[in-house]
Structure formats: C-alpha cells, structure tokens
Amino acid sequence: MSKFFKFVVAATIGLFAMSSLSACSTSAPVDMSSVAAVIDVRTPEETAAGYLEGALLLDIAGADFATQIEALDKSANYVVYCRSGNRAGQAIQYMQGAGFTGTLTNAGGLADAASATGLKVVQ
C-alpha cells in the first residue's frame, strides 16, 4: 500500500509540474499591432542559433540587462521569450518591479513565440 501511495503522490506532482510548465507561454496569437517590441532574453550563444526577426536581444544574465530594460518605454506592451519561458517569466517579473505598466506577454520558447507572433526565425 505504501508504494502505491508514493506512486499516486509522485504522479500528482508530475501532472501539476507539467501543467505549470505549459502555463509559461501563451498559445493564443498576439496582436502585434499593439506591441512595441519583442524581447529575446536568451544568451548570445543561444541567439546565434536563431531569433525572431526584429527582436531586441537583451540577455537576462548580461551585465547591462537592467540598463537596457530601463531604456524601454514602461507604458508600452512587450512580448518576451527565451528557451522555455522560465527566463522570460523572470524578465517580466523584473520589468513589473521596475514599473512597467503595459501588457507583458510571456511567449515561452522560440518556436512558441514565432507561432504566437507570426514572426520568422532568422540568424
């Protein structure tokens, strides 16, 4: 009985974790007419493999990330993406803490962001 209980608990935790991960990104198309910019917060090594056309490349781990974010219009709407949606979520939290009031959309990873925005991947 004990092994069965552990299995049920582990399965429940696993299902919760998977549903939480899928919530990192938007699956609905983004109205790009209201978006000031698309922001890629991945590292330069990651963006070298491809990024969305026209995206601002602002490495969240970079020394100048805060300065680059502060230069943006805080009332504008932005779409933010990374590899999986995790760092995009962190960037959005930072932006909200910095006083951004526009809509900040976590578009998840590169493929999800391309699908949601309709932008093509370039190198």
N, C-alpha and C. Protein backbone atom coordinates (compact mmCIF):
# COMPACT_ATOMS: atom_id res chain seq x y z
N MET A 1 0.83 -1.20 0.00
CA MET A 1 0.00 0.00 0.00
C MET A 1 0.87 1.26 0.00
N SER A 2 1.97 1.20 0.72
CA SER A 2 2.85 2.35 0.82
C SER A 2 3.43 2.74 -0.54
N LYS A 3 3.83 1.74 -1.34
CA LYS A 3 4.39 2.02 -2.67
C LYS A 3 3.33 2.63 -3.57
N PHE A 4 2.12 2.14 -3.48
CA PHE A 4 1.03 2.68 -4.28
C PHE A 4 0.77 4.14 -3.92
N PHE A 5 0.75 4.45 -2.65
CA PHE A 5 0.53 5.82 -2.19
C PHE A 5 1.64 6.74 -2.72
N LYS A 6 2.89 6.29 -2.64
CA LYS A 6 4.01 7.08 -3.15
C LYS A 6 3.88 7.31 -4.65
N PHE A 7 3.44 6.28 -5.37
CA PHE A 7 3.24 6.41 -6.81
C PHE A 7 2.17 7.46 -7.12
N VAL A 8 1.05 7.41 -6.41
CA VAL A 8 -0.03 8.36 -6.63
C VAL A 8 0.44 9.79 -6.34
N VAL A 9 1.17 9.97 -5.25
CA VAL A 9 1.68 11.29 -4.91
C VAL A 9 2.66 11.78 -5.99
N ALA A 10 3.58 10.91 -6.41
CA ALA A 10 4.54 11.29 -7.45
C ALA A 10 3.84 11.64 -8.76
N ALA A 11 2.84 10.86 -9.13
CA ALA A 11 2.11 11.13 -10.36
C ALA A 11 1.37 12.46 -10.28
N THR A 12 0.78 12.75 -9.14
CA THR A 12 0.08 14.02 -8.95
C THR A 12 1.04 15.19 -9.06
N ILE A 13 2.18 15.08 -8.43
CA ILE A 13 3.19 16.14 -8.50
C ILE A 13 3.65 16.32 -9.94
N GLY A 14 3.88 15.22 -10.63
CA GLY A 14 4.31 15.29 -12.02
C GLY A 14 3.29 15.98 -12.91
N LEU A 15 2.02 15.64 -12.74
CA LEU A 15 0.97 16.28 -13.53
C LEU A 15 0.89 17.77 -13.23
N PHE A 16 1.00 18.13 -11.96
CA PHE A 16 0.97 19.54 -11.59
C PHE A 16 2.15 20.29 -12.21
N ALA A 17 3.33 19.69 -12.17
CA ALA A 17 4.52 20.33 -12.73
C ALA A 17 4.37 20.53 -14.23
N MET A 18 3.85 19.56 -14.93
CA MET A 18 3.67 19.68 -16.37
C MET A 18 2.64 20.76 -16.72
N SER A 19 1.58 20.85 -15.95
CA SER A 19 0.58 21.88 -16.23
C SER A 19 1.15 23.26 -15.92
N SER A 20 2.01 23.36 -14.94
CA SER A 20 2.63 24.64 -14.62
C SER A 20 3.58 25.07 -15.72
N LEU A 21 4.32 24.12 -16.29
CA LEU A 21 5.25 24.45 -17.37
C LEU A 21 4.51 24.94 -18.60
N SER A 22 3.42 24.33 -18.93
CA SER A 22 2.69 24.77 -20.11
C SER A 22 2.07 26.14 -19.91
N ALA A 23 1.91 26.55 -18.67
CA ALA A 23 1.34 27.87 -18.40
C ALA A 23 2.37 28.98 -18.57
N CYS A 24 3.62 28.62 -18.84
CA CYS A 24 4.67 29.63 -19.00
C CYS A 24 4.50 30.41 -20.29
N SER A 25 3.85 29.85 -21.24
CA SER A 25 3.77 30.52 -22.53
C SER A 25 2.31 30.70 -22.94
N THR A 26 2.15 31.60 -23.87
CA THR A 26 0.82 31.86 -24.40
C THR A 26 0.62 31.00 -25.63
N SER A 27 -0.54 30.43 -25.81
CA SER A 27 -0.81 29.66 -27.02
C SER A 27 -1.66 30.48 -27.98
N ALA A 28 -2.21 31.56 -27.51
CA ALA A 28 -3.05 32.41 -28.35
C ALA A 28 -2.19 33.36 -29.17
N PRO A 29 -2.61 33.66 -30.39
CA PRO A 29 -1.87 34.63 -31.20
C PRO A 29 -1.83 35.99 -30.51
N VAL A 30 -0.73 36.68 -30.69
CA VAL A 30 -0.55 38.00 -30.10
C VAL A 30 -0.89 39.05 -31.14
N ASP A 31 -1.66 40.08 -30.75
CA ASP A 31 -1.97 41.20 -31.64
C ASP A 31 -0.73 42.08 -31.73
N MET A 32 0.05 41.87 -32.76
CA MET A 32 1.34 42.56 -32.89
C MET A 32 1.19 44.06 -33.15
N SER A 33 -0.01 44.51 -33.53
CA SER A 33 -0.20 45.94 -33.78
C SER A 33 -0.11 46.75 -32.49
N SER A 34 -0.28 46.09 -31.35
CA SER A 34 -0.22 46.81 -30.07
C SER A 34 1.08 46.55 -29.32
N VAL A 35 2.03 45.86 -29.95
CA VAL A 35 3.29 45.50 -29.29
C VAL A 35 4.39 46.44 -29.73
N ALA A 36 5.08 47.04 -28.76
CA ALA A 36 6.19 47.94 -29.06
C ALA A 36 7.42 47.18 -29.51
N ALA A 37 7.67 46.03 -28.89
CA ALA A 37 8.85 45.24 -29.24
C ALA A 37 8.71 43.82 -28.74
N VAL A 38 9.43 42.94 -29.41
CA VAL A 38 9.58 41.56 -28.98
C VAL A 38 10.98 41.46 -28.39
N ILE A 39 11.07 40.87 -27.19
CA ILE A 39 12.36 40.81 -26.48
C ILE A 39 12.79 39.37 -26.29
N ASP A 40 13.99 39.05 -26.75
CA ASP A 40 14.60 37.74 -26.56
C ASP A 40 15.59 37.88 -25.42
N VAL A 41 15.39 37.15 -24.32
CA VAL A 41 16.25 37.29 -23.15
C VAL A 41 17.27 36.16 -23.03
N ARG A 42 17.51 35.43 -24.12
CA ARG A 42 18.49 34.34 -24.10
C ARG A 42 19.91 34.89 -24.24
N THR A 43 20.88 34.01 -24.03
CA THR A 43 22.29 34.38 -24.13
C THR A 43 22.68 34.59 -25.59
N PRO A 44 23.80 35.30 -25.83
CA PRO A 44 24.27 35.46 -27.21
C PRO A 44 24.55 34.12 -27.90
N GLU A 45 25.02 33.14 -27.15
CA GLU A 45 25.26 31.82 -27.73
C GLU A 45 23.95 31.19 -28.22
N GLU A 46 22.89 31.39 -27.46
CA GLU A 46 21.58 30.84 -27.86
C GLU A 46 21.00 31.60 -29.04
N THR A 47 21.10 32.90 -29.04
CA THR A 47 20.52 33.69 -30.13
C THR A 47 21.30 33.51 -31.43
N ALA A 48 22.57 33.10 -31.36
CA ALA A 48 23.36 32.85 -32.56
C ALA A 48 22.74 31.75 -33.41
N ALA A 49 22.00 30.86 -32.78
CA ALA A 49 21.34 29.76 -33.49
C ALA A 49 20.03 30.19 -34.13
N GLY A 50 19.54 31.37 -33.80
CA GLY A 50 18.31 31.88 -34.37
C GLY A 50 17.49 32.66 -33.36
N TYR A 51 16.81 33.68 -33.85
CA TYR A 51 15.95 34.53 -33.01
C TYR A 51 14.86 35.10 -33.90
N LEU A 52 13.85 35.69 -33.30
CA LEU A 52 12.74 36.24 -34.08
C LEU A 52 13.18 37.53 -34.77
N GLU A 53 12.78 37.65 -36.02
CA GLU A 53 13.13 38.82 -36.80
C GLU A 53 12.67 40.11 -36.10
N GLY A 54 13.60 41.04 -35.91
CA GLY A 54 13.29 42.31 -35.29
C GLY A 54 13.31 42.32 -33.77
N ALA A 55 13.58 41.16 -33.16
CA ALA A 55 13.57 41.08 -31.69
C ALA A 55 14.74 41.85 -31.11
N LEU A 56 14.49 42.44 -29.93
CA LEU A 56 15.57 43.03 -29.15
C LEU A 56 16.27 41.89 -28.42
N LEU A 57 17.57 41.81 -28.52
CA LEU A 57 18.34 40.74 -27.89
C LEU A 57 18.92 41.27 -26.59
N LEU A 58 18.22 41.00 -25.48
CA LEU A 58 18.60 41.50 -24.16
C LEU A 58 18.86 40.32 -23.23
N ASP A 59 20.10 39.89 -23.15
CA ASP A 59 20.50 38.74 -22.34
C ASP A 59 20.19 39.01 -20.86
N ILE A 60 19.26 38.26 -20.29
CA ILE A 60 18.87 38.47 -18.90
C ILE A 60 20.03 38.25 -17.94
N ALA A 61 21.01 37.46 -18.34
CA ALA A 61 22.18 37.21 -17.49
C ALA A 61 23.31 38.21 -17.76
N GLY A 62 23.11 39.08 -18.72
CA GLY A 62 24.13 40.06 -19.08
C GLY A 62 24.24 41.19 -18.07
N ALA A 63 25.43 41.75 -17.99
CA ALA A 63 25.70 42.83 -17.03
C ALA A 63 24.88 44.09 -17.31
N ASP A 64 24.49 44.29 -18.56
CA ASP A 64 23.77 45.52 -18.92
C ASP A 64 22.26 45.32 -19.10
N PHE A 65 21.74 44.18 -18.65
CA PHE A 65 20.31 43.91 -18.81
C PHE A 65 19.45 44.99 -18.17
N ALA A 66 19.73 45.35 -16.93
CA ALA A 66 18.92 46.35 -16.23
C ALA A 66 18.94 47.69 -16.96
N THR A 67 20.10 48.09 -17.44
CA THR A 67 20.23 49.35 -18.17
C THR A 67 19.43 49.31 -19.46
N GLN A 68 19.50 48.19 -20.16
CA GLN A 68 18.74 48.05 -21.42
C GLN A 68 17.24 48.08 -21.16
N ILE A 69 16.79 47.43 -20.11
CA ILE A 69 15.37 47.42 -19.77
C ILE A 69 14.90 48.82 -19.39
N GLU A 70 15.70 49.52 -18.62
CA GLU A 70 15.33 50.88 -18.18
C GLU A 70 15.18 51.85 -19.35
N ALA A 71 15.83 51.55 -20.48
CA ALA A 71 15.75 52.43 -21.65
C ALA A 71 14.44 52.25 -22.43
N LEU A 72 13.67 51.22 -22.11
CA LEU A 72 12.42 50.96 -22.81
C LEU A 72 11.27 51.80 -22.25
N ASP A 73 10.26 52.02 -23.09
CA ASP A 73 9.04 52.73 -22.68
C ASP A 73 8.27 51.85 -21.70
N LYS A 74 8.12 52.30 -20.48
CA LYS A 74 7.49 51.49 -19.43
C LYS A 74 5.98 51.35 -19.59
N SER A 75 5.36 52.16 -20.43
CA SER A 75 3.92 52.06 -20.62
C SER A 75 3.56 51.21 -21.85
N ALA A 76 4.55 50.78 -22.60
CA ALA A 76 4.31 50.02 -23.84
C ALA A 76 4.07 48.54 -23.55
N ASN A 77 3.57 47.85 -24.56
CA ASN A 77 3.34 46.40 -24.49
C ASN A 77 4.53 45.66 -25.10
N TYR A 78 4.92 44.57 -24.46
CA TYR A 78 6.07 43.78 -24.93
C TYR A 78 5.74 42.30 -24.92
N VAL A 79 6.36 41.58 -25.86
CA VAL A 79 6.33 40.13 -25.89
C VAL A 79 7.74 39.69 -25.54
N VAL A 80 7.86 38.79 -24.56
CA VAL A 80 9.17 38.34 -24.08
C VAL A 80 9.26 36.83 -24.26
N TYR A 81 10.41 36.36 -24.76
CA TYR A 81 10.60 34.91 -24.90
C TYR A 81 12.03 34.52 -24.59
N CYS A 82 12.24 33.22 -24.39
CA CYS A 82 13.58 32.68 -24.11
C CYS A 82 13.65 31.28 -24.71
N ARG A 83 14.16 30.32 -23.98
CA ARG A 83 14.22 28.94 -24.48
C ARG A 83 12.97 28.17 -24.09
N SER A 84 12.49 28.39 -22.86
CA SER A 84 11.36 27.60 -22.37
C SER A 84 10.23 28.45 -21.78
N GLY A 85 10.48 29.70 -21.51
CA GLY A 85 9.50 30.56 -20.85
C GLY A 85 9.91 30.94 -19.45
N ASN A 86 10.86 30.21 -18.87
CA ASN A 86 11.30 30.47 -17.49
C ASN A 86 11.98 31.84 -17.36
N ARG A 87 13.02 32.08 -18.15
CA ARG A 87 13.72 33.37 -18.07
C ARG A 87 12.84 34.51 -18.55
N ALA A 88 11.95 34.24 -19.50
CA ALA A 88 11.01 35.27 -19.93
C ALA A 88 10.13 35.68 -18.76
N GLY A 89 9.69 34.70 -17.98
CA GLY A 89 8.90 35.00 -16.78
C GLY A 89 9.69 35.81 -15.78
N GLN A 90 10.95 35.48 -15.60
CA GLN A 90 11.81 36.24 -14.69
C GLN A 90 11.99 37.67 -15.19
N ALA A 91 12.18 37.83 -16.49
CA ALA A 91 12.34 39.16 -17.07
C ALA A 91 11.07 39.99 -16.88
N ILE A 92 9.92 39.35 -17.08
CA ILE A 92 8.65 40.05 -16.90
C ILE A 92 8.48 40.48 -15.44
N GLN A 93 8.84 39.62 -14.51
CA GLN A 93 8.77 40.00 -13.09
C GLN A 93 9.69 41.18 -12.82
N TYR A 94 10.87 41.18 -13.39
CA TYR A 94 11.79 42.29 -13.21
C TYR A 94 11.18 43.57 -13.78
N MET A 95 10.62 43.47 -14.98
CA MET A 95 10.03 44.63 -15.64
C MET A 95 8.86 45.20 -14.82
N GLN A 96 8.03 44.31 -14.29
CA GLN A 96 6.92 44.77 -13.46
C GLN A 96 7.45 45.48 -12.21
N GLY A 97 8.48 44.93 -11.61
CA GLY A 97 9.09 45.55 -10.44
C GLY A 97 9.74 46.89 -10.76
N ALA A 98 10.15 47.05 -12.02
CA ALA A 98 10.77 48.30 -12.46
C ALA A 98 9.73 49.34 -12.87
N GLY A 99 8.46 48.99 -12.75
CA GLY A 99 7.40 49.96 -13.03
C GLY A 99 6.76 49.87 -14.40
N PHE A 100 6.98 48.80 -15.13
CA PHE A 100 6.34 48.65 -16.43
C PHE A 100 4.84 48.44 -16.21
N THR A 101 4.03 49.17 -16.97
CA THR A 101 2.58 49.12 -16.80
C THR A 101 1.84 48.56 -18.00
N GLY A 102 2.53 48.39 -19.12
CA GLY A 102 1.90 47.83 -20.32
C GLY A 102 1.71 46.33 -20.17
N THR A 103 1.13 45.72 -21.17
CA THR A 103 0.94 44.27 -21.18
C THR A 103 2.26 43.60 -21.50
N LEU A 104 2.68 42.68 -20.63
CA LEU A 104 3.92 41.94 -20.81
C LEU A 104 3.54 40.49 -21.03
N THR A 105 3.78 39.98 -22.23
CA THR A 105 3.36 38.64 -22.60
C THR A 105 4.55 37.69 -22.61
N ASN A 106 4.44 36.60 -21.88
CA ASN A 106 5.45 35.54 -21.90
C ASN A 106 5.09 34.62 -23.05
N ALA A 107 5.89 34.66 -24.12
CA ALA A 107 5.61 33.85 -25.30
C ALA A 107 6.31 32.50 -25.25
N GLY A 108 6.95 32.17 -24.13
CA GLY A 108 7.58 30.86 -23.97
C GLY A 108 8.89 30.76 -24.72
N GLY A 109 9.07 29.65 -25.43
CA GLY A 109 10.29 29.41 -26.18
C GLY A 109 10.22 29.99 -27.58
N LEU A 110 11.32 29.86 -28.31
CA LEU A 110 11.44 30.43 -29.65
C LEU A 110 10.33 29.96 -30.58
N ALA A 111 10.09 28.67 -30.65
CA ALA A 111 9.06 28.15 -31.56
C ALA A 111 7.67 28.64 -31.17
N ASP A 112 7.37 28.64 -29.88
CA ASP A 112 6.08 29.15 -29.41
C ASP A 112 5.94 30.64 -29.71
N ALA A 113 7.01 31.39 -29.51
CA ALA A 113 6.98 32.83 -29.76
C ALA A 113 6.78 33.12 -31.24
N ALA A 114 7.44 32.33 -32.11
CA ALA A 114 7.26 32.50 -33.54
C ALA A 114 5.82 32.23 -33.95
N SER A 115 5.25 31.19 -33.37
CA SER A 115 3.86 30.85 -33.68
C SER A 115 2.90 31.93 -33.18
N ALA A 116 3.12 32.41 -31.96
CA ALA A 116 2.21 33.40 -31.37
C ALA A 116 2.30 34.77 -32.04
N THR A 117 3.50 35.14 -32.50
CA THR A 117 3.68 36.47 -33.08
C THR A 117 3.58 36.50 -34.60
N GLY A 118 3.78 35.36 -35.23
CA GLY A 118 3.81 35.32 -36.68
C GLY A 118 5.13 35.78 -37.27
N LEU A 119 6.13 36.00 -36.42
CA LEU A 119 7.45 36.44 -36.89
C LEU A 119 8.28 35.24 -37.28
N LYS A 120 9.17 35.44 -38.25
CA LYS A 120 10.01 34.33 -38.67
C LYS A 120 11.32 34.32 -37.89
N VAL A 121 11.91 33.14 -37.81
CA VAL A 121 13.19 32.94 -37.13
C VAL A 121 14.29 33.26 -38.12
N VAL A 122 15.23 34.11 -37.70
CA VAL A 122 16.38 34.49 -38.52
C VAL A 122 17.67 34.22 -37.75
N GLN A 123 18.79 34.27 -38.48
CA GLN A 123 20.10 34.10 -37.83
C GLN A 123 20.97 35.30 -38.09
